[in-house]
């Protein structure tokens, strides 16, 4: 038995079917994705006067109307999330470590001095001055 050579119509049909199947899959995946919410119309809010600088006032009023600043960082910052805000700044104090202050990678000399003697003298003078 001889095999027939596929004619051009059959080849085109096969290619069209494959392309249509791929396009339908793309459309179905797009339909399954959640629909992006339409932007809500901006509320008309009376402009407040925060400062005498008109440009700064305009910027502050735009920021107050936008409300997107409330959720910066993945959620609204409330007192429950306070440790996230100040944790990096005061974390060393909680671990009984002194914060390091450096200028060009070096600790300034005034931080290296022992000021106990100075404090004792100031306490003595304070007692003398205040009659203690």
N, C-alpha and C. Protein backbone atom coordinates (compact mmCIF):
# COMPACT_ATOMS: atom_id res chain seq x y z
N UNK A 1 0.82 -1.17 0.00
CA UNK A 1 0.00 0.00 0.00
C UNK A 1 0.88 1.25 0.00
N UNK A 2 0.52 2.14 -0.84
CA UNK A 2 1.28 3.38 -0.94
C UNK A 2 0.72 4.42 0.03
N UNK A 3 1.65 5.13 0.64
CA UNK A 3 1.23 6.22 1.51
C UNK A 3 0.99 7.44 0.65
N UNK A 4 -0.11 8.11 0.98
CA UNK A 4 -0.41 9.34 0.24
C UNK A 4 0.39 10.48 0.83
N UNK A 5 0.84 11.32 -0.04
CA UNK A 5 1.50 12.53 0.41
C UNK A 5 0.41 13.48 0.88
N UNK A 6 0.63 14.09 2.09
CA UNK A 6 -0.40 15.03 2.53
C UNK A 6 -0.43 16.24 1.59
N UNK A 7 -1.64 16.61 1.23
CA UNK A 7 -1.74 17.77 0.34
C UNK A 7 -1.65 19.05 1.16
N UNK A 8 -1.55 20.13 0.48
CA UNK A 8 -1.34 21.43 1.12
C UNK A 8 -2.50 21.80 2.02
N UNK A 9 -3.74 21.44 1.66
CA UNK A 9 -4.91 21.76 2.47
C UNK A 9 -4.83 21.07 3.83
N UNK A 10 -4.42 19.84 3.83
CA UNK A 10 -4.32 19.09 5.07
C UNK A 10 -3.26 19.69 5.99
N UNK A 11 -2.15 20.07 5.44
CA UNK A 11 -1.07 20.68 6.22
C UNK A 11 -1.53 22.00 6.82
N UNK A 12 -2.20 22.82 6.02
CA UNK A 12 -2.69 24.12 6.52
C UNK A 12 -3.72 23.90 7.62
N UNK A 13 -4.63 22.95 7.45
CA UNK A 13 -5.63 22.66 8.49
C UNK A 13 -4.96 22.26 9.80
N UNK A 14 -3.96 21.42 9.71
CA UNK A 14 -3.27 20.96 10.91
C UNK A 14 -2.60 22.14 11.63
N UNK A 15 -1.93 22.99 10.88
CA UNK A 15 -1.25 24.14 11.47
C UNK A 15 -2.26 25.10 12.09
N UNK A 16 -3.38 25.34 11.40
CA UNK A 16 -4.40 26.24 11.92
C UNK A 16 -4.99 25.68 13.21
N UNK A 17 -5.25 24.38 13.25
CA UNK A 17 -5.79 23.76 14.46
C UNK A 17 -4.83 23.95 15.64
N UNK A 18 -3.53 23.74 15.39
CA UNK A 18 -2.55 23.91 16.46
C UNK A 18 -2.51 25.35 16.96
N UNK A 19 -2.53 26.29 16.04
CA UNK A 19 -2.49 27.70 16.43
C UNK A 19 -3.75 28.11 17.19
N UNK A 20 -4.90 27.63 16.73
CA UNK A 20 -6.16 27.95 17.42
C UNK A 20 -6.16 27.34 18.81
N UNK A 21 -5.67 26.13 18.97
CA UNK A 21 -5.62 25.47 20.27
C UNK A 21 -4.72 26.27 21.22
N UNK A 22 -3.57 26.75 20.74
CA UNK A 22 -2.68 27.55 21.59
C UNK A 22 -3.34 28.88 21.97
N UNK A 23 -4.01 29.51 21.03
CA UNK A 23 -4.67 30.78 21.32
C UNK A 23 -5.79 30.60 22.34
N UNK A 24 -6.54 29.50 22.22
CA UNK A 24 -7.62 29.23 23.17
C UNK A 24 -7.06 29.00 24.57
N UNK A 25 -5.94 28.28 24.68
CA UNK A 25 -5.31 28.06 25.98
C UNK A 25 -4.89 29.39 26.61
N UNK A 26 -4.33 30.29 25.81
CA UNK A 26 -3.93 31.60 26.32
C UNK A 26 -5.13 32.38 26.83
N UNK A 27 -6.22 32.35 26.08
CA UNK A 27 -7.43 33.08 26.48
C UNK A 27 -7.99 32.50 27.78
N UNK A 28 -7.99 31.19 27.90
CA UNK A 28 -8.51 30.54 29.10
C UNK A 28 -7.66 30.91 30.32
N UNK A 29 -6.33 30.92 30.18
CA UNK A 29 -5.49 31.29 31.32
C UNK A 29 -5.69 32.75 31.70
N UNK A 30 -5.91 33.62 30.72
CA UNK A 30 -6.19 35.03 31.02
C UNK A 30 -7.51 35.17 31.75
N UNK A 31 -8.50 34.39 31.37
CA UNK A 31 -9.80 34.47 32.02
C UNK A 31 -9.76 33.95 33.45
N UNK A 32 -8.89 33.00 33.72
CA UNK A 32 -8.78 32.44 35.07
C UNK A 32 -8.10 33.40 36.03
N UNK A 33 -7.27 34.30 35.52
CA UNK A 33 -6.57 35.24 36.39
C UNK A 33 -7.57 36.24 36.94
N UNK A 34 -7.33 36.69 38.21
CA UNK A 34 -8.27 37.65 38.80
C UNK A 34 -8.26 38.96 38.01
N UNK A 35 -9.43 39.52 37.93
CA UNK A 35 -9.58 40.77 37.20
C UNK A 35 -9.06 41.91 38.07
N UNK A 36 -8.25 42.77 37.46
CA UNK A 36 -7.73 43.91 38.20
C UNK A 36 -8.89 44.86 38.48
N UNK A 37 -8.93 45.34 39.70
CA UNK A 37 -10.02 46.24 40.06
C UNK A 37 -9.86 47.58 39.35
N UNK A 38 -10.96 48.12 38.98
CA UNK A 38 -10.96 49.42 38.32
C UNK A 38 -10.58 50.48 39.34
N UNK A 39 -9.78 51.46 38.94
CA UNK A 39 -9.43 52.51 39.89
C UNK A 39 -10.69 53.25 40.34
N UNK A 40 -10.76 53.47 41.63
CA UNK A 40 -11.92 54.15 42.18
C UNK A 40 -11.80 55.64 41.90
N UNK A 41 -12.93 56.27 41.64
CA UNK A 41 -12.86 57.70 41.40
C UNK A 41 -12.37 58.42 42.66
N UNK A 42 -11.56 59.42 42.44
CA UNK A 42 -10.99 60.14 43.58
C UNK A 42 -12.07 60.93 44.30
N UNK A 43 -11.96 60.90 45.60
CA UNK A 43 -12.89 61.65 46.42
C UNK A 43 -12.55 63.14 46.32
N UNK A 44 -13.57 63.92 46.28
CA UNK A 44 -13.34 65.36 46.27
C UNK A 44 -13.22 65.80 47.72
N UNK A 45 -12.03 66.21 48.07
CA UNK A 45 -11.74 66.59 49.45
C UNK A 45 -11.35 68.05 49.46
N UNK A 46 -11.84 68.74 50.44
CA UNK A 46 -11.51 70.15 50.58
C UNK A 46 -10.02 70.29 50.91
N UNK A 47 -9.36 71.21 50.22
CA UNK A 47 -7.94 71.40 50.45
C UNK A 47 -7.72 72.08 51.80
N UNK A 48 -6.75 71.54 52.52
CA UNK A 48 -6.38 72.11 53.81
C UNK A 48 -5.11 72.93 53.66
N UNK A 49 -4.93 73.85 54.54
CA UNK A 49 -3.72 74.66 54.54
C UNK A 49 -2.79 74.14 55.63
N UNK A 50 -1.74 73.41 55.21
CA UNK A 50 -0.78 72.85 56.16
C UNK A 50 0.35 73.82 56.45
N UNK A 51 0.70 74.61 55.42
CA UNK A 51 1.83 75.52 55.54
C UNK A 51 1.60 76.73 54.64
N UNK A 52 2.43 77.73 54.77
CA UNK A 52 2.27 78.92 53.94
C UNK A 52 2.84 78.72 52.53
N UNK A 53 3.64 77.69 52.33
CA UNK A 53 4.22 77.39 51.03
C UNK A 53 3.16 76.71 50.16
N UNK A 54 2.77 77.35 49.07
CA UNK A 54 1.67 76.83 48.25
C UNK A 54 2.03 75.51 47.56
N UNK A 55 3.26 75.38 47.10
CA UNK A 55 3.68 74.14 46.43
C UNK A 55 3.66 72.98 47.42
N UNK A 56 4.20 73.20 48.60
CA UNK A 56 4.22 72.17 49.62
C UNK A 56 2.79 71.81 50.05
N UNK A 57 1.93 72.81 50.14
CA UNK A 57 0.53 72.56 50.46
C UNK A 57 -0.13 71.66 49.43
N UNK A 58 0.12 71.93 48.13
CA UNK A 58 -0.46 71.10 47.07
C UNK A 58 0.00 69.65 47.20
N UNK A 59 1.29 69.46 47.44
CA UNK A 59 1.84 68.10 47.56
C UNK A 59 1.24 67.39 48.77
N UNK A 60 1.15 68.09 49.90
CA UNK A 60 0.59 67.48 51.11
C UNK A 60 -0.89 67.14 50.93
N UNK A 61 -1.63 67.99 50.23
CA UNK A 61 -3.04 67.70 49.98
C UNK A 61 -3.20 66.50 49.06
N UNK A 62 -2.35 66.38 48.02
CA UNK A 62 -2.40 65.21 47.14
C UNK A 62 -2.10 63.94 47.92
N UNK A 63 -1.10 64.00 48.79
CA UNK A 63 -0.73 62.83 49.59
C UNK A 63 -1.86 62.44 50.53
N UNK A 64 -2.51 63.42 51.13
CA UNK A 64 -3.61 63.14 52.05
C UNK A 64 -4.79 62.51 51.33
N UNK A 65 -5.02 62.89 50.08
CA UNK A 65 -6.15 62.36 49.32
C UNK A 65 -5.86 60.97 48.77
N UNK A 66 -4.61 60.65 48.53
CA UNK A 66 -4.25 59.40 47.86
C UNK A 66 -4.47 58.16 48.71
N UNK A 67 -4.14 58.17 49.95
CA UNK A 67 -4.28 57.06 50.89
C UNK A 67 -3.38 55.85 50.60
N UNK A 68 -2.61 55.85 49.51
CA UNK A 68 -1.73 54.71 49.25
C UNK A 68 -0.56 54.68 50.22
N UNK A 69 -0.23 55.80 50.82
CA UNK A 69 0.89 55.87 51.77
C UNK A 69 0.59 55.07 53.03
N UNK A 70 -0.69 54.80 53.31
CA UNK A 70 -1.05 54.09 54.54
C UNK A 70 -0.59 52.64 54.51
N UNK A 71 -0.46 52.07 53.34
CA UNK A 71 -0.13 50.65 53.25
C UNK A 71 1.25 50.40 52.68
N UNK A 72 2.13 51.37 52.72
CA UNK A 72 3.49 51.14 52.25
C UNK A 72 4.15 50.07 53.11
N UNK A 73 4.90 49.20 52.49
CA UNK A 73 5.58 48.15 53.25
C UNK A 73 4.72 46.92 53.46
N UNK A 74 3.68 46.75 52.66
CA UNK A 74 2.91 45.52 52.71
C UNK A 74 1.73 45.53 53.66
N UNK A 75 1.42 46.61 54.27
CA UNK A 75 0.26 46.64 55.15
C UNK A 75 0.22 47.93 55.94
N UNK A 76 -0.89 48.16 56.58
CA UNK A 76 -1.05 49.38 57.35
C UNK A 76 -0.23 49.29 58.63
N UNK A 77 0.49 50.36 58.93
CA UNK A 77 1.29 50.38 60.14
C UNK A 77 0.43 50.85 61.31
N UNK A 78 0.27 49.97 62.25
CA UNK A 78 -0.45 50.30 63.48
C UNK A 78 0.51 50.08 64.64
N UNK A 79 0.02 50.30 65.85
CA UNK A 79 0.89 50.11 67.01
C UNK A 79 1.29 48.64 67.17
N UNK A 80 0.52 47.74 66.56
CA UNK A 80 0.88 46.32 66.62
C UNK A 80 2.17 46.02 65.86
N UNK A 81 2.48 46.83 64.87
CA UNK A 81 3.67 46.61 64.05
C UNK A 81 4.80 47.59 64.40
N UNK A 82 4.73 48.18 65.57
CA UNK A 82 5.72 49.19 65.96
C UNK A 82 7.13 48.61 66.00
N UNK A 83 7.27 47.36 66.40
CA UNK A 83 8.61 46.77 66.49
C UNK A 83 9.29 46.71 65.12
N UNK A 84 8.52 46.63 64.03
CA UNK A 84 9.12 46.65 62.70
C UNK A 84 9.73 48.01 62.40
N UNK A 85 9.09 49.06 62.88
CA UNK A 85 9.58 50.40 62.60
C UNK A 85 10.83 50.73 63.40
N UNK A 86 10.81 50.44 64.68
CA UNK A 86 11.92 50.85 65.53
C UNK A 86 12.87 49.72 65.89
N UNK A 87 12.59 48.53 65.44
CA UNK A 87 13.41 47.37 65.79
C UNK A 87 14.85 47.52 65.37
N UNK A 88 15.09 48.03 64.17
CA UNK A 88 16.45 48.18 63.69
C UNK A 88 17.21 49.26 64.44
N UNK A 89 16.52 50.29 64.88
CA UNK A 89 17.18 51.39 65.55
C UNK A 89 17.48 51.08 67.00
N UNK A 90 16.57 50.39 67.67
CA UNK A 90 16.72 50.16 69.10
C UNK A 90 16.99 48.69 69.45
N UNK A 91 17.16 47.87 68.43
CA UNK A 91 17.40 46.46 68.67
C UNK A 91 18.67 46.19 69.45
N UNK A 92 19.72 46.99 69.17
CA UNK A 92 20.98 46.81 69.89
C UNK A 92 20.83 47.12 71.37
N UNK A 93 20.02 48.10 71.70
CA UNK A 93 19.81 48.44 73.11
C UNK A 93 19.13 47.29 73.85
N UNK A 94 18.23 46.62 73.18
CA UNK A 94 17.51 45.52 73.81
C UNK A 94 18.44 44.33 74.08
N UNK A 95 19.50 44.23 73.30
CA UNK A 95 20.45 43.13 73.47
C UNK A 95 21.65 43.55 74.31
N UNK A 96 21.53 44.67 75.01
CA UNK A 96 22.60 45.22 75.85
C UNK A 96 23.88 45.48 75.06
N UNK A 97 23.74 45.89 73.83
CA UNK A 97 24.88 46.26 73.03
C UNK A 97 24.82 47.76 72.81
N UNK A 98 25.95 48.40 72.88
CA UNK A 98 25.95 49.85 72.67
C UNK A 98 25.98 50.11 71.17
N UNK A 99 25.27 51.13 70.74
CA UNK A 99 25.30 51.45 69.32
C UNK A 99 26.67 51.96 68.93
N UNK A 100 27.08 51.68 67.74
CA UNK A 100 28.40 52.13 67.30
C UNK A 100 28.22 53.34 66.39
N UNK A 101 28.96 54.36 66.70
CA UNK A 101 28.97 55.57 65.89
C UNK A 101 30.34 55.65 65.28
N UNK A 102 30.39 55.81 63.99
CA UNK A 102 31.70 55.88 63.36
C UNK A 102 31.72 56.99 62.33
N UNK A 103 32.88 57.56 62.18
CA UNK A 103 33.11 58.58 61.17
C UNK A 103 34.18 58.01 60.26
N UNK A 104 33.83 57.81 59.02
CA UNK A 104 34.75 57.21 58.05
C UNK A 104 35.29 55.86 58.53
N UNK A 105 34.45 55.07 59.19
CA UNK A 105 34.84 53.75 59.63
C UNK A 105 35.61 53.71 60.93
N UNK A 106 35.85 54.86 61.56
CA UNK A 106 36.62 54.91 62.80
C UNK A 106 35.74 55.48 63.92
N UNK A 107 35.91 54.95 65.11
CA UNK A 107 35.18 55.47 66.27
C UNK A 107 35.85 56.74 66.74
N UNK A 108 35.07 57.82 66.91
CA UNK A 108 35.68 59.09 67.36
C UNK A 108 36.31 58.95 68.74
N UNK A 109 37.34 59.75 68.99
CA UNK A 109 38.10 59.68 70.25
C UNK A 109 37.24 59.99 71.47
N UNK A 110 36.30 60.92 71.36
CA UNK A 110 35.52 61.29 72.54
C UNK A 110 34.64 60.13 73.03
N UNK A 111 34.40 59.14 72.17
CA UNK A 111 33.62 57.99 72.60
C UNK A 111 34.50 56.94 73.29
N UNK A 112 35.78 57.05 73.11
CA UNK A 112 36.70 56.08 73.71
C UNK A 112 37.13 56.48 75.13
N UNK A 113 36.93 57.76 75.50
CA UNK A 113 37.40 58.25 76.80
C UNK A 113 36.56 57.69 77.94
N UNK A 114 37.18 57.63 79.10
CA UNK A 114 36.50 57.22 80.33
C UNK A 114 36.09 58.48 81.08
N UNK A 115 34.81 58.73 81.18
CA UNK A 115 34.30 59.97 81.77
C UNK A 115 33.85 59.80 83.22
N UNK A 116 34.21 58.72 83.87
CA UNK A 116 33.78 58.50 85.25
C UNK A 116 34.30 59.57 86.20
N UNK A 117 35.54 59.96 86.04
CA UNK A 117 36.13 60.98 86.91
C UNK A 117 35.42 62.32 86.72
N UNK A 118 35.12 62.66 85.50
CA UNK A 118 34.44 63.92 85.21
C UNK A 118 33.06 63.92 85.87
N UNK A 119 32.36 62.79 85.78
CA UNK A 119 31.04 62.69 86.40
C UNK A 119 31.11 62.80 87.92
N UNK A 120 32.13 62.19 88.53
CA UNK A 120 32.28 62.29 89.99
C UNK A 120 32.50 63.73 90.40
N UNK A 121 33.36 64.45 89.68
CA UNK A 121 33.64 65.85 90.00
C UNK A 121 32.37 66.69 89.84
N UNK A 122 31.62 66.45 88.77
CA UNK A 122 30.41 67.25 88.56
C UNK A 122 29.37 66.97 89.64
N UNK A 123 29.30 65.71 90.11
CA UNK A 123 28.38 65.38 91.20
C UNK A 123 28.80 66.08 92.50
N UNK A 124 30.11 66.11 92.77
CA UNK A 124 30.62 66.80 93.97
C UNK A 124 30.29 68.28 93.92
N UNK A 125 30.51 68.90 92.76
CA UNK A 125 30.23 70.33 92.64
C UNK A 125 28.73 70.60 92.75
N UNK A 126 27.95 69.70 92.23
CA UNK A 126 26.50 69.85 92.30
C UNK A 126 26.03 69.77 93.75
N UNK A 127 26.62 68.86 94.54
CA UNK A 127 26.26 68.71 95.95
C UNK A 127 26.64 69.97 96.73
N UNK A 128 27.83 70.50 96.44
CA UNK A 128 28.29 71.70 97.12
C UNK A 128 27.40 72.88 96.76
N UNK A 129 27.06 73.00 95.51
CA UNK A 129 26.25 74.12 95.03
C UNK A 129 24.83 74.07 95.60
N UNK A 130 24.26 72.90 95.69
CA UNK A 130 22.89 72.76 96.15
C UNK A 130 22.79 72.40 97.63
N UNK A 131 23.88 72.40 98.29
CA UNK A 131 23.88 72.17 99.74
C UNK A 131 23.61 70.73 100.13
N UNK A 132 24.10 69.79 99.37
CA UNK A 132 23.81 68.39 99.65
C UNK A 132 24.94 67.73 100.22
